[in-house]
């Protein structure tokens, strides 16, 4: 998985729910943030990552999720919001790694 910029920070993390959870957990003592803040940060991070690829050369965007209920489901909700936001765009498909490899070979 790629390391992507974390929206609103100067940091990067892997495009995965658990990594955002750890990132947010490490900030808890320093910042007063809510689960909604965590959700918004992940959605915006994913959207920036997506738009960078979509507007450039439409290379695959890889995201990993465990579907854990960390921080009251903030990361699941963020993934759902991200999918709803990009799913209707032209040339966007959600595929498995096996399907991706098959498509890249063609």
PDB file of N, CA and C in Angstrom:
ATOM      1  N   UNK A   1       0.838  -1.196   0.000  1.00  0.00           N
ATOM      2  CA  UNK A   1       0.000   0.000   0.000  1.00  0.00           C
ATOM      3  C   UNK A   1       0.873   1.245   0.000  1.00  0.00           C
ATOM      4  N   UNK A   2       0.388   2.291  -0.637  1.00  0.00           N
ATOM      5  CA  UNK A   2       1.180   3.514  -0.700  1.00  0.00           C
ATOM      6  C   UNK A   2       1.110   4.310   0.600  1.00  0.00           C
ATOM      7  N   UNK A   3       2.125   5.076   0.817  1.00  0.00           N
ATOM      8  CA  UNK A   3       2.144   6.056   1.889  1.00  0.00           C
ATOM      9  C   UNK A   3       1.574   7.339   1.301  1.00  0.00           C
ATOM     10  N   UNK A   4       0.511   7.869   1.924  1.00  0.00           N
ATOM     11  CA  UNK A   4      -0.162   9.052   1.378  1.00  0.00           C
ATOM     12  C   UNK A   4      -0.109  10.195   2.387  1.00  0.00           C
ATOM     13  N   UNK A   5      -0.172  11.432   1.901  1.00  0.00           N
ATOM     14  CA  UNK A   5      -0.218  12.569   2.824  1.00  0.00           C
ATOM     15  C   UNK A   5      -1.488  12.523   3.674  1.00  0.00           C
ATOM     16  N   UNK A   6      -1.330  12.826   4.945  1.00  0.00           N
ATOM     17  CA  UNK A   6      -2.470  12.896   5.856  1.00  0.00           C
ATOM     18  C   UNK A   6      -2.998  14.322   5.807  1.00  0.00           C
ATOM     19  N   UNK A   7      -4.227  14.469   5.380  1.00  0.00           N
ATOM     20  CA  UNK A   7      -4.855  15.763   5.183  1.00  0.00           C
ATOM     21  C   UNK A   7      -4.718  16.648   6.433  1.00  0.00           C
ATOM     22  N   UNK A   8      -4.307  17.888   6.214  1.00  0.00           N
ATOM     23  CA  UNK A   8      -4.214  18.860   7.291  1.00  0.00           C
ATOM     24  C   UNK A   8      -2.981  18.726   8.164  1.00  0.00           C
ATOM     25  N   UNK A   9      -2.055  17.847   7.767  1.00  0.00           N
ATOM     26  CA  UNK A   9      -0.821  17.659   8.535  1.00  0.00           C
ATOM     27  C   UNK A   9       0.359  17.656   7.570  1.00  0.00           C
ATOM     28  N   UNK A  10       1.546  17.547   8.120  1.00  0.00           N
ATOM     29  CA  UNK A  10       2.749  17.411   7.302  1.00  0.00           C
ATOM     30  C   UNK A  10       3.235  15.967   7.293  1.00  0.00           C
ATOM     31  N   UNK A  11       2.381  15.052   7.727  1.00  0.00           N
ATOM     32  CA  UNK A  11       2.737  13.642   7.860  1.00  0.00           C
ATOM     33  C   UNK A  11       2.180  12.812   6.716  1.00  0.00           C
ATOM     34  N   UNK A  12       2.675  11.593   6.644  1.00  0.00           N
ATOM     35  CA  UNK A  12       2.172  10.583   5.716  1.00  0.00           C
ATOM     36  C   UNK A  12       1.887   9.319   6.510  1.00  0.00           C
ATOM     37  N   UNK A  13       1.000   8.492   5.974  1.00  0.00           N
ATOM     38  CA  UNK A  13       0.740   7.173   6.535  1.00  0.00           C
ATOM     39  C   UNK A  13       0.260   6.262   5.420  1.00  0.00           C
ATOM     40  N   UNK A  14       0.248   4.964   5.686  1.00  0.00           N
ATOM     41  CA  UNK A  14      -0.253   4.028   4.686  1.00  0.00           C
ATOM     42  C   UNK A  14      -1.747   4.231   4.489  1.00  0.00           C
ATOM     43  N   UNK A  15      -2.223   3.980   3.285  1.00  0.00           N
ATOM     44  CA  UNK A  15      -3.645   4.126   2.952  1.00  0.00           C
ATOM     45  C   UNK A  15      -4.414   2.928   3.509  1.00  0.00           C
ATOM     46  N   UNK A  16      -4.539   2.904   4.819  1.00  0.00           N
ATOM     47  CA  UNK A  16      -5.198   1.793   5.504  1.00  0.00           C
ATOM     48  C   UNK A  16      -5.809   2.295   6.813  1.00  0.00           C
ATOM     49  N   UNK A  17      -6.965   1.759   7.153  1.00  0.00           N
ATOM     50  CA  UNK A  17      -7.675   2.209   8.346  1.00  0.00           C
ATOM     51  C   UNK A  17      -6.843   2.074   9.617  1.00  0.00           C
ATOM     52  N   UNK A  18      -6.163   0.969   9.787  1.00  0.00           N
ATOM     53  CA  UNK A  18      -5.389   0.757  11.018  1.00  0.00           C
ATOM     54  C   UNK A  18      -4.282   1.806  11.158  1.00  0.00           C
ATOM     55  N   UNK A  19      -3.648   2.168  10.069  1.00  0.00           N
ATOM     56  CA  UNK A  19      -2.580   3.154  10.120  1.00  0.00           C
ATOM     57  C   UNK A  19      -3.111   4.539  10.479  1.00  0.00           C
ATOM     58  N   UNK A  20      -4.296   4.880   9.992  1.00  0.00           N
ATOM     59  CA  UNK A  20      -4.923   6.134  10.404  1.00  0.00           C
ATOM     60  C   UNK A  20      -5.303   6.079  11.880  1.00  0.00           C
ATOM     61  N   UNK A  21      -5.769   4.935  12.338  1.00  0.00           N
ATOM     62  CA  UNK A  21      -6.099   4.764  13.756  1.00  0.00           C
ATOM     63  C   UNK A  21      -4.869   5.012  14.624  1.00  0.00           C
ATOM     64  N   UNK A  22      -3.742   4.427  14.276  1.00  0.00           N
ATOM     65  CA  UNK A  22      -2.503   4.624  15.037  1.00  0.00           C
ATOM     66  C   UNK A  22      -2.062   6.085  14.955  1.00  0.00           C
ATOM     67  N   UNK A  23      -2.143   6.674  13.777  1.00  0.00           N
ATOM     68  CA  UNK A  23      -1.797   8.088  13.614  1.00  0.00           C
ATOM     69  C   UNK A  23      -2.634   8.946  14.567  1.00  0.00           C
ATOM     70  N   UNK A  24      -3.943   8.700  14.581  1.00  0.00           N
ATOM     71  CA  UNK A  24      -4.840   9.486  15.437  1.00  0.00           C
ATOM     72  C   UNK A  24      -4.593   9.204  16.913  1.00  0.00           C
ATOM     73  N   UNK A  25      -4.343   7.967  17.257  1.00  0.00           N
ATOM     74  CA  UNK A  25      -4.068   7.614  18.655  1.00  0.00           C
ATOM     75  C   UNK A  25      -2.823   8.326  19.160  1.00  0.00           C
ATOM     76  N   UNK A  26      -1.819   8.433  18.327  1.00  0.00           N
ATOM     77  CA  UNK A  26      -0.575   9.096  18.720  1.00  0.00           C
ATOM     78  C   UNK A  26      -0.754  10.606  18.886  1.00  0.00           C
ATOM     79  N   UNK A  27      -1.786  11.179  18.316  1.00  0.00           N
ATOM     80  CA  UNK A  27      -2.049  12.622  18.431  1.00  0.00           C
ATOM     81  C   UNK A  27      -2.960  12.961  19.608  1.00  0.00           C
ATOM     82  N   UNK A  28      -3.608  11.962  20.192  1.00  0.00           N
ATOM     83  CA  UNK A  28      -4.640  12.206  21.212  1.00  0.00           C
ATOM     84  C   UNK A  28      -4.167  13.060  22.382  1.00  0.00           C
ATOM     85  N   UNK A  29      -2.961  12.848  22.838  1.00  0.00           N
ATOM     86  CA  UNK A  29      -2.490  13.601  23.993  1.00  0.00           C
ATOM     87  C   UNK A  29      -2.173  15.052  23.651  1.00  0.00           C
ATOM     88  N   UNK A  30      -1.939  15.317  22.374  1.00  0.00           N
ATOM     89  CA  UNK A  30      -1.532  16.652  21.947  1.00  0.00           C
ATOM     90  C   UNK A  30      -2.701  17.498  21.421  1.00  0.00           C
ATOM     91  N   UNK A  31      -3.718  16.860  20.866  1.00  0.00           N
ATOM     92  CA  UNK A  31      -4.812  17.588  20.217  1.00  0.00           C
ATOM     93  C   UNK A  31      -6.155  17.130  20.767  1.00  0.00           C
ATOM     94  N   UNK A  32      -7.098  18.021  20.802  1.00  0.00           N
ATOM     95  CA  UNK A  32      -8.473  17.709  21.197  1.00  0.00           C
ATOM     96  C   UNK A  32      -9.279  17.435  19.921  1.00  0.00           C
ATOM     97  N   UNK A  33      -9.294  16.191  19.489  1.00  0.00           N
ATOM     98  CA  UNK A  33      -9.998  15.842  18.259  1.00  0.00           C
ATOM     99  C   UNK A  33     -11.105  14.829  18.557  1.00  0.00           C
ATOM    100  N   UNK A  34     -12.104  14.817  17.694  1.00  0.00           N
ATOM    101  CA  UNK A  34     -13.240  13.919  17.847  1.00  0.00           C
ATOM    102  C   UNK A  34     -13.182  12.826  16.788  1.00  0.00           C
ATOM    103  N   UNK A  35     -14.060  11.844  16.937  1.00  0.00           N
ATOM    104  CA  UNK A  35     -14.159  10.799  15.925  1.00  0.00           C
ATOM    105  C   UNK A  35     -14.544  11.393  14.575  1.00  0.00           C
ATOM    106  N   UNK A  36     -15.351  12.443  14.582  1.00  0.00           N
ATOM    107  CA  UNK A  36     -15.709  13.123  13.331  1.00  0.00           C
ATOM    108  C   UNK A  36     -14.472  13.762  12.689  1.00  0.00           C
ATOM    109  N   UNK A  37     -13.567  14.289  13.492  1.00  0.00           N
ATOM    110  CA  UNK A  37     -12.304  14.824  12.967  1.00  0.00           C
ATOM    111  C   UNK A  37     -11.501  13.721  12.295  1.00  0.00           C
ATOM    112  N   UNK A  38     -11.446  12.551  12.931  1.00  0.00           N
ATOM    113  CA  UNK A  38     -10.704  11.419  12.359  1.00  0.00           C
ATOM    114  C   UNK A  38     -11.318  11.008  11.018  1.00  0.00           C
ATOM    115  N   UNK A  39     -12.642  10.924  11.002  1.00  0.00           N
ATOM    116  CA  UNK A  39     -13.343  10.550   9.774  1.00  0.00           C
ATOM    117  C   UNK A  39     -13.072  11.554   8.664  1.00  0.00           C
ATOM    118  N   UNK A  40     -13.210  12.839   8.975  1.00  0.00           N
ATOM    119  CA  UNK A  40     -12.986  13.879   7.968  1.00  0.00           C
ATOM    120  C   UNK A  40     -11.551  13.862   7.451  1.00  0.00           C
ATOM    121  N   UNK A  41     -10.598  13.652   8.342  1.00  0.00           N
ATOM    122  CA  UNK A  41      -9.194  13.632   7.929  1.00  0.00           C
ATOM    123  C   UNK A  41      -8.938  12.474   6.963  1.00  0.00           C
ATOM    124  N   UNK A  42      -9.487  11.298   7.268  1.00  0.00           N
ATOM    125  CA  UNK A  42      -9.269  10.156   6.387  1.00  0.00           C
ATOM    126  C   UNK A  42      -9.969  10.359   5.044  1.00  0.00           C
ATOM    127  N   UNK A  43     -11.200  10.820   5.052  1.00  0.00           N
ATOM    128  CA  UNK A  43     -11.925  11.057   3.793  1.00  0.00           C
ATOM    129  C   UNK A  43     -11.147  12.029   2.922  1.00  0.00           C
ATOM    130  N   UNK A  44     -10.725  13.128   3.487  1.00  0.00           N
ATOM    131  CA  UNK A  44      -9.984  14.120   2.705  1.00  0.00           C
ATOM    132  C   UNK A  44      -8.632  13.604   2.237  1.00  0.00           C
ATOM    133  N   UNK A  45      -7.981  12.795   3.046  1.00  0.00           N
ATOM    134  CA  UNK A  45      -6.708  12.182   2.634  1.00  0.00           C
ATOM    135  C   UNK A  45      -6.942  11.260   1.441  1.00  0.00           C
ATOM    136  N   UNK A  46      -7.966  10.412   1.538  1.00  0.00           N
ATOM    137  CA  UNK A  46      -8.287   9.491   0.443  1.00  0.00           C
ATOM    138  C   UNK A  46      -8.715  10.254  -0.811  1.00  0.00           C
ATOM    139  N   UNK A  47      -9.524  11.297  -0.653  1.00  0.00           N
ATOM    140  CA  UNK A  47      -9.970  12.064  -1.817  1.00  0.00           C
ATOM    141  C   UNK A  47      -8.805  12.767  -2.501  1.00  0.00           C
ATOM    142  N   UNK A  48      -7.897  13.338  -1.742  1.00  0.00           N
ATOM    143  CA  UNK A  48      -6.722  13.967  -2.346  1.00  0.00           C
ATOM    144  C   UNK A  48      -5.874  12.941  -3.087  1.00  0.00           C
ATOM    145  N   UNK A  49      -5.676  11.798  -2.463  1.00  0.00           N
ATOM    146  CA  UNK A  49      -4.928  10.698  -3.085  1.00  0.00           C
ATOM    147  C   UNK A  49      -5.611  10.273  -4.382  1.00  0.00           C
ATOM    148  N   UNK A  50      -6.915  10.073  -4.333  1.00  0.00           N
ATOM    149  CA  UNK A  50      -7.685   9.671  -5.515  1.00  0.00           C
ATOM    150  C   UNK A  50      -7.570  10.717  -6.627  1.00  0.00           C
ATOM    151  N   UNK A  51      -7.861  11.967  -6.304  1.00  0.00           N
ATOM    152  CA  UNK A  51      -7.872  13.017  -7.333  1.00  0.00           C
ATOM    153  C   UNK A  51      -6.502  13.207  -7.973  1.00  0.00           C
ATOM    154  N   UNK A  52      -5.455  13.029  -7.197  1.00  0.00           N
ATOM    155  CA  UNK A  52      -4.105  13.111  -7.766  1.00  0.00           C
ATOM    156  C   UNK A  52      -3.946  12.086  -8.883  1.00  0.00           C
ATOM    157  N   UNK A  53      -4.395  10.870  -8.664  1.00  0.00           N
ATOM    158  CA  UNK A  53      -4.277   9.814  -9.676  1.00  0.00           C
ATOM    159  C   UNK A  53      -5.318   9.965 -10.783  1.00  0.00           C
ATOM    160  N   UNK A  54      -6.501  10.329 -10.418  1.00  0.00           N
ATOM    161  CA  UNK A  54      -7.600  10.428 -11.396  1.00  0.00           C
ATOM    162  C   UNK A  54      -7.340  11.545 -12.402  1.00  0.00           C
ATOM    163  N   UNK A  55      -6.857  12.676 -11.930  1.00  0.00           N
ATOM    164  CA  UNK A  55      -6.631  13.817 -12.817  1.00  0.00           C
ATOM    165  C   UNK A  55      -5.328  13.693 -13.602  1.00  0.00           C
ATOM    166  N   UNK A  56      -4.409  12.881 -13.130  1.00  0.00           N
ATOM    167  CA  UNK A  56      -3.120  12.736 -13.819  1.00  0.00           C
ATOM    168  C   UNK A  56      -3.220  11.646 -14.881  1.00  0.00           C
ATOM    169  N   UNK A  57      -3.050  10.419 -14.488  1.00  0.00           N
ATOM    170  CA  UNK A  57      -3.008   9.346 -15.482  1.00  0.00           C
ATOM    171  C   UNK A  57      -3.921   8.166 -15.154  1.00  0.00           C
ATOM    172  N   UNK A  58      -4.784   8.329 -14.194  1.00  0.00           N
ATOM    173  CA  UNK A  58      -5.763   7.322 -13.789  1.00  0.00           C
ATOM    174  C   UNK A  58      -5.128   5.977 -13.445  1.00  0.00           C
ATOM    175  N   UNK A  59      -3.981   6.036 -12.776  1.00  0.00           N
ATOM    176  CA  UNK A  59      -3.374   4.808 -12.280  1.00  0.00           C
ATOM    177  C   UNK A  59      -4.186   4.301 -11.096  1.00  0.00           C
ATOM    178  N   UNK A  60      -4.070   3.012 -10.776  1.00  0.00           N
ATOM    179  CA  UNK A  60      -4.867   2.440  -9.686  1.00  0.00           C
ATOM    180  C   UNK A  60      -4.601   3.110  -8.337  1.00  0.00           C
ATOM    181  N   UNK A  61      -5.655   3.233  -7.570  1.00  0.00           N
ATOM    182  CA  UNK A  61      -5.601   3.733  -6.201  1.00  0.00           C
ATOM    183  C   UNK A  61      -5.793   2.517  -5.299  1.00  0.00           C
ATOM    184  N   UNK A  62      -4.835   2.284  -4.420  1.00  0.00           N
ATOM    185  CA  UNK A  62      -4.880   1.114  -3.550  1.00  0.00           C
ATOM    186  C   UNK A  62      -5.138   1.546  -2.115  1.00  0.00           C
ATOM    187  N   UNK A  63      -6.172   0.964  -1.524  1.00  0.00           N
ATOM    188  CA  UNK A  63      -6.554   1.263  -0.153  1.00  0.00           C
ATOM    189  C   UNK A  63      -6.820  -0.060   0.556  1.00  0.00           C
ATOM    190  N   UNK A  64      -6.366  -0.183   1.793  1.00  0.00           N
ATOM    191  CA  UNK A  64      -6.610  -1.390   2.576  1.00  0.00           C
ATOM    192  C   UNK A  64      -7.451  -1.087   3.806  1.00  0.00           C
ATOM    193  N   UNK A  65      -8.365  -1.998   4.126  1.00  0.00           N
ATOM    194  CA  UNK A  65      -9.204  -1.806   5.318  1.00  0.00           C
ATOM    195  C   UNK A  65      -9.461  -3.126   6.015  1.00  0.00           C
ATOM    196  N   UNK A  66      -9.464  -3.058   7.341  1.00  0.00           N
ATOM    197  CA  UNK A  66      -9.781  -4.211   8.190  1.00  0.00           C
ATOM    198  C   UNK A  66     -11.249  -4.201   8.606  1.00  0.00           C
ATOM    199  N   UNK A  67     -11.926  -3.083   8.426  1.00  0.00           N
ATOM    200  CA  UNK A  67     -13.312  -2.886   8.829  1.00  0.00           C
ATOM    201  C   UNK A  67     -13.477  -3.022  10.341  1.00  0.00           C
ATOM    202  N   UNK A  68     -12.457  -2.570  11.059  1.00  0.00           N
ATOM    203  CA  UNK A  68     -12.539  -2.520  12.514  1.00  0.00           C
ATOM    204  C   UNK A  68     -13.399  -1.339  12.941  1.00  0.00           C
ATOM    205  N   UNK A  69     -13.942  -1.420  14.130  1.00  0.00           N
ATOM    206  CA  UNK A  69     -14.825  -0.369  14.624  1.00  0.00           C
ATOM    207  C   UNK A  69     -14.057   0.651  15.468  1.00  0.00           C
ATOM    208  N   UNK A  70     -12.819   0.888  15.119  1.00  0.00           N
ATOM    209  CA  UNK A  70     -11.981   1.798  15.890  1.00  0.00           C
ATOM    210  C   UNK A  70     -12.560   3.204  15.884  1.00  0.00           C
ATOM    211  N   UNK A  71     -12.409   3.882  17.009  1.00  0.00           N
ATOM    212  CA  UNK A  71     -12.900   5.253  17.180  1.00  0.00           C
ATOM    213  C   UNK A  71     -14.353   5.379  16.714  1.00  0.00           C
ATOM    214  N   UNK A  72     -15.165   4.457  17.222  1.00  0.00           N
ATOM    215  CA  UNK A  72     -16.611   4.462  16.980  1.00  0.00           C
ATOM    216  C   UNK A  72     -16.952   4.403  15.489  1.00  0.00           C
ATOM    217  N   UNK A  73     -16.185   3.629  14.733  1.00  0.00           N
ATOM    218  CA  UNK A  73     -16.472   3.419  13.314  1.00  0.00           C
ATOM    219  C   UNK A  73     -16.069   4.557  12.400  1.00  0.00           C
ATOM    220  N   UNK A  74     -15.228   5.466  12.888  1.00  0.00           N
ATOM    221  CA  UNK A  74     -14.854   6.638  12.081  1.00  0.00           C
ATOM    222  C   UNK A  74     -14.237   6.237  10.744  1.00  0.00           C
ATOM    223  N   UNK A  75     -13.460   5.172  10.721  1.00  0.00           N
ATOM    224  CA  UNK A  75     -12.728   4.804   9.510  1.00  0.00           C
ATOM    225  C   UNK A  75     -13.610   4.039   8.524  1.00  0.00           C
ATOM    226  N   UNK A  76     -14.546   3.269   9.026  1.00  0.00           N
ATOM    227  CA  UNK A  76     -15.522   2.616   8.144  1.00  0.00           C
ATOM    228  C   UNK A  76     -16.399   3.677   7.496  1.00  0.00           C
ATOM    229  N   UNK A  77     -16.861   4.613   8.298  1.00  0.00           N
ATOM    230  CA  UNK A  77     -17.692   5.704   7.768  1.00  0.00           C
ATOM    231  C   UNK A  77     -16.912   6.520   6.741  1.00  0.00           C
ATOM    232  N   UNK A  78     -15.632   6.732   6.995  1.00  0.00           N
ATOM    233  CA  UNK A  78     -14.798   7.479   6.042  1.00  0.00           C
ATOM    234  C   UNK A  78     -14.683   6.729   4.723  1.00  0.00           C
ATOM    235  N   UNK A  79     -14.476   5.415   4.791  1.00  0.00           N
ATOM    236  CA  UNK A  79     -14.376   4.614   3.570  1.00  0.00           C
ATOM    237  C   UNK A  79     -15.691   4.671   2.796  1.00  0.00           C
ATOM    238  N   UNK A  80     -16.806   4.526   3.495  1.00  0.00           N
ATOM    239  CA  UNK A  80     -18.118   4.595   2.834  1.00  0.00           C
ATOM    240  C   UNK A  80     -18.332   5.956   2.175  1.00  0.00           C
ATOM    241  N   UNK A  81     -17.959   7.007   2.861  1.00  0.00           N
ATOM    242  CA  UNK A  81     -18.099   8.359   2.305  1.00  0.00           C
ATOM    243  C   UNK A  81     -17.207   8.534   1.076  1.00  0.00           C
ATOM    244  N   UNK A  82     -15.990   8.029   1.149  1.00  0.00           N
ATOM    245  CA  UNK A  82     -15.067   8.102   0.016  1.00  0.00           C
ATOM    246  C   UNK A  82     -15.640   7.355  -1.187  1.00  0.00           C
ATOM    247  N   UNK A  83     -16.101   6.127  -0.969  1.00  0.00           N
ATOM    248  CA  UNK A  83     -16.649   5.328  -2.071  1.00  0.00           C
ATOM    249  C   UNK A  83     -17.841   6.030  -2.707  1.00  0.00           C
ATOM    250  N   UNK A  84     -18.748   6.547  -1.886  1.00  0.00           N
ATOM    251  CA  UNK A  84     -19.913   7.260  -2.417  1.00  0.00           C
ATOM    252  C   UNK A  84     -19.494   8.485  -3.234  1.00  0.00           C
ATOM    253  N   UNK A  85     -18.419   9.109  -2.840  1.00  0.00           N
ATOM    254  CA  UNK A  85     -17.959  10.325  -3.499  1.00  0.00           C
ATOM    255  C   UNK A  85     -17.328  10.064  -4.861  1.00  0.00           C
ATOM    256  N   UNK A  86     -16.683   8.920  -5.039  1.00  0.00           N
ATOM    257  CA  UNK A  86     -15.948   8.679  -6.287  1.00  0.00           C
ATOM    258  C   UNK A  86     -16.573   7.614  -7.187  1.00  0.00           C
ATOM    259  N   UNK A  87     -17.512   6.855  -6.687  1.00  0.00           N
ATOM    260  CA  UNK A  87     -18.014   5.692  -7.423  1.00  0.00           C
ATOM    261  C   UNK A  87     -18.748   6.030  -8.717  1.00  0.00           C
ATOM    262  N   UNK A  88     -19.305   7.224  -8.826  1.00  0.00           N
ATOM    263  CA  UNK A  88     -20.059   7.578 -10.034  1.00  0.00           C
ATOM    264  C   UNK A  88     -19.222   8.282 -11.095  1.00  0.00           C
ATOM    265  N   UNK A  89     -17.958   8.470 -10.827  1.00  0.00           N
ATOM    266  CA  UNK A  89     -17.092   9.148 -11.794  1.00  0.00           C
ATOM    267  C   UNK A  89     -16.776   8.201 -12.960  1.00  0.00           C
ATOM    268  N   UNK A  90     -16.614   8.768 -14.165  1.00  0.00           N
ATOM    269  CA  UNK A  90     -16.258   7.930 -15.319  1.00  0.00           C
ATOM    270  C   UNK A  90     -14.931   7.209 -15.090  1.00  0.00           C
ATOM    271  N   UNK A  91     -14.860   6.003 -15.578  1.00  0.00           N
ATOM    272  CA  UNK A  91     -13.649   5.169 -15.541  1.00  0.00           C
ATOM    273  C   UNK A  91     -13.224   4.754 -14.139  1.00  0.00           C
ATOM    274  N   UNK A  92     -14.108   4.803 -13.169  1.00  0.00           N
ATOM    275  CA  UNK A  92     -13.793   4.341 -11.816  1.00  0.00           C
ATOM    276  C   UNK A  92     -14.426   2.977 -11.618  1.00  0.00           C
ATOM    277  N   UNK A  93     -13.600   2.027 -11.220  1.00  0.00           N
ATOM    278  CA  UNK A  93     -14.081   0.680 -10.921  1.00  0.00           C
ATOM    279  C   UNK A  93     -13.444   0.221  -9.626  1.00  0.00           C
ATOM    280  N   UNK A  94     -14.169  -0.562  -8.878  1.00  0.00           N
ATOM    281  CA  UNK A  94     -13.659  -1.170  -7.654  1.00  0.00           C
ATOM    282  C   UNK A  94     -13.439  -2.643  -7.950  1.00  0.00           C
ATOM    283  N   UNK A  95     -12.187  -3.064  -7.871  1.00  0.00           N
ATOM    284  CA  UNK A  95     -11.848  -4.423  -8.273  1.00  0.00           C
ATOM    285  C   UNK A  95     -10.936  -5.070  -7.233  1.00  0.00           C
ATOM    286  N   UNK A  96     -10.845  -6.394  -7.316  1.00  0.00           N
ATOM    287  CA  UNK A  96      -9.911  -7.142  -6.482  1.00  0.00           C
ATOM    288  C   UNK A  96      -8.514  -7.024  -7.086  1.00  0.00           C
ATOM    289  N   UNK A  97      -7.519  -7.430  -6.334  1.00  0.00           N
ATOM    290  CA  UNK A  97      -6.155  -7.432  -6.874  1.00  0.00           C
ATOM    291  C   UNK A  97      -6.067  -8.352  -8.087  1.00  0.00           C
ATOM    292  N   UNK A  98      -6.746  -9.486  -8.044  1.00  0.00           N
ATOM    293  CA  UNK A  98      -6.721 -10.428  -9.160  1.00  0.00           C
ATOM    294  C   UNK A  98      -7.287  -9.766 -10.425  1.00  0.00           C
ATOM    295  N   UNK A  99      -8.400  -9.043 -10.286  1.00  0.00           N
ATOM    296  CA  UNK A  99      -8.978  -8.344 -11.431  1.00  0.00           C
ATOM    297  C   UNK A  99      -8.054  -7.235 -11.921  1.00  0.00           C
ATOM    298  N   UNK A 100      -7.421  -6.534 -11.011  1.00  0.00           N
ATOM    299  CA  UNK A 100      -6.491  -5.470 -11.380  1.00  0.00           C
ATOM    300  C   UNK A 100      -5.338  -6.028 -12.211  1.00  0.00           C
ATOM    301  N   UNK A 101      -4.751  -7.116 -11.765  1.00  0.00           N
ATOM    302  CA  UNK A 101      -3.630  -7.725 -12.494  1.00  0.00           C
ATOM    303  C   UNK A 101      -4.077  -8.166 -13.876  1.00  0.00           C
ATOM    304  N   UNK A 102      -5.250  -8.771 -13.958  1.00  0.00           N
ATOM    305  CA  UNK A 102      -5.771  -9.202 -15.251  1.00  0.00           C
ATOM    306  C   UNK A 102      -5.943  -8.011 -16.190  1.00  0.00           C
ATOM    307  N   UNK A 103      -6.500  -6.912 -15.675  1.00  0.00           N
ATOM    308  CA  UNK A 103      -6.702  -5.711 -16.492  1.00  0.00           C
ATOM    309  C   UNK A 103      -5.390  -5.063 -16.908  1.00  0.00           C
ATOM    310  N   UNK A 104      -4.397  -5.095 -16.025  1.00  0.00           N
ATOM    311  CA  UNK A 104      -3.101  -4.496 -16.357  1.00  0.00           C
ATOM    312  C   UNK A 104      -2.381  -5.302 -17.438  1.00  0.00           C
ATOM    313  N   UNK A 105      -2.636  -6.597 -17.492  1.00  0.00           N
ATOM    314  CA  UNK A 105      -2.001  -7.449 -18.503  1.00  0.00           C
ATOM    315  C   UNK A 105      -2.598  -7.223 -19.877  1.00  0.00           C
ATOM    316  N   UNK A 106      -3.852  -6.774 -19.937  1.00  0.00           N
ATOM    317  CA  UNK A 106      -4.537  -6.582 -21.224  1.00  0.00           C
ATOM    318  C   UNK A 106      -4.165  -5.285 -21.882  1.00  0.00           C
TER     319      UNK A 106
END
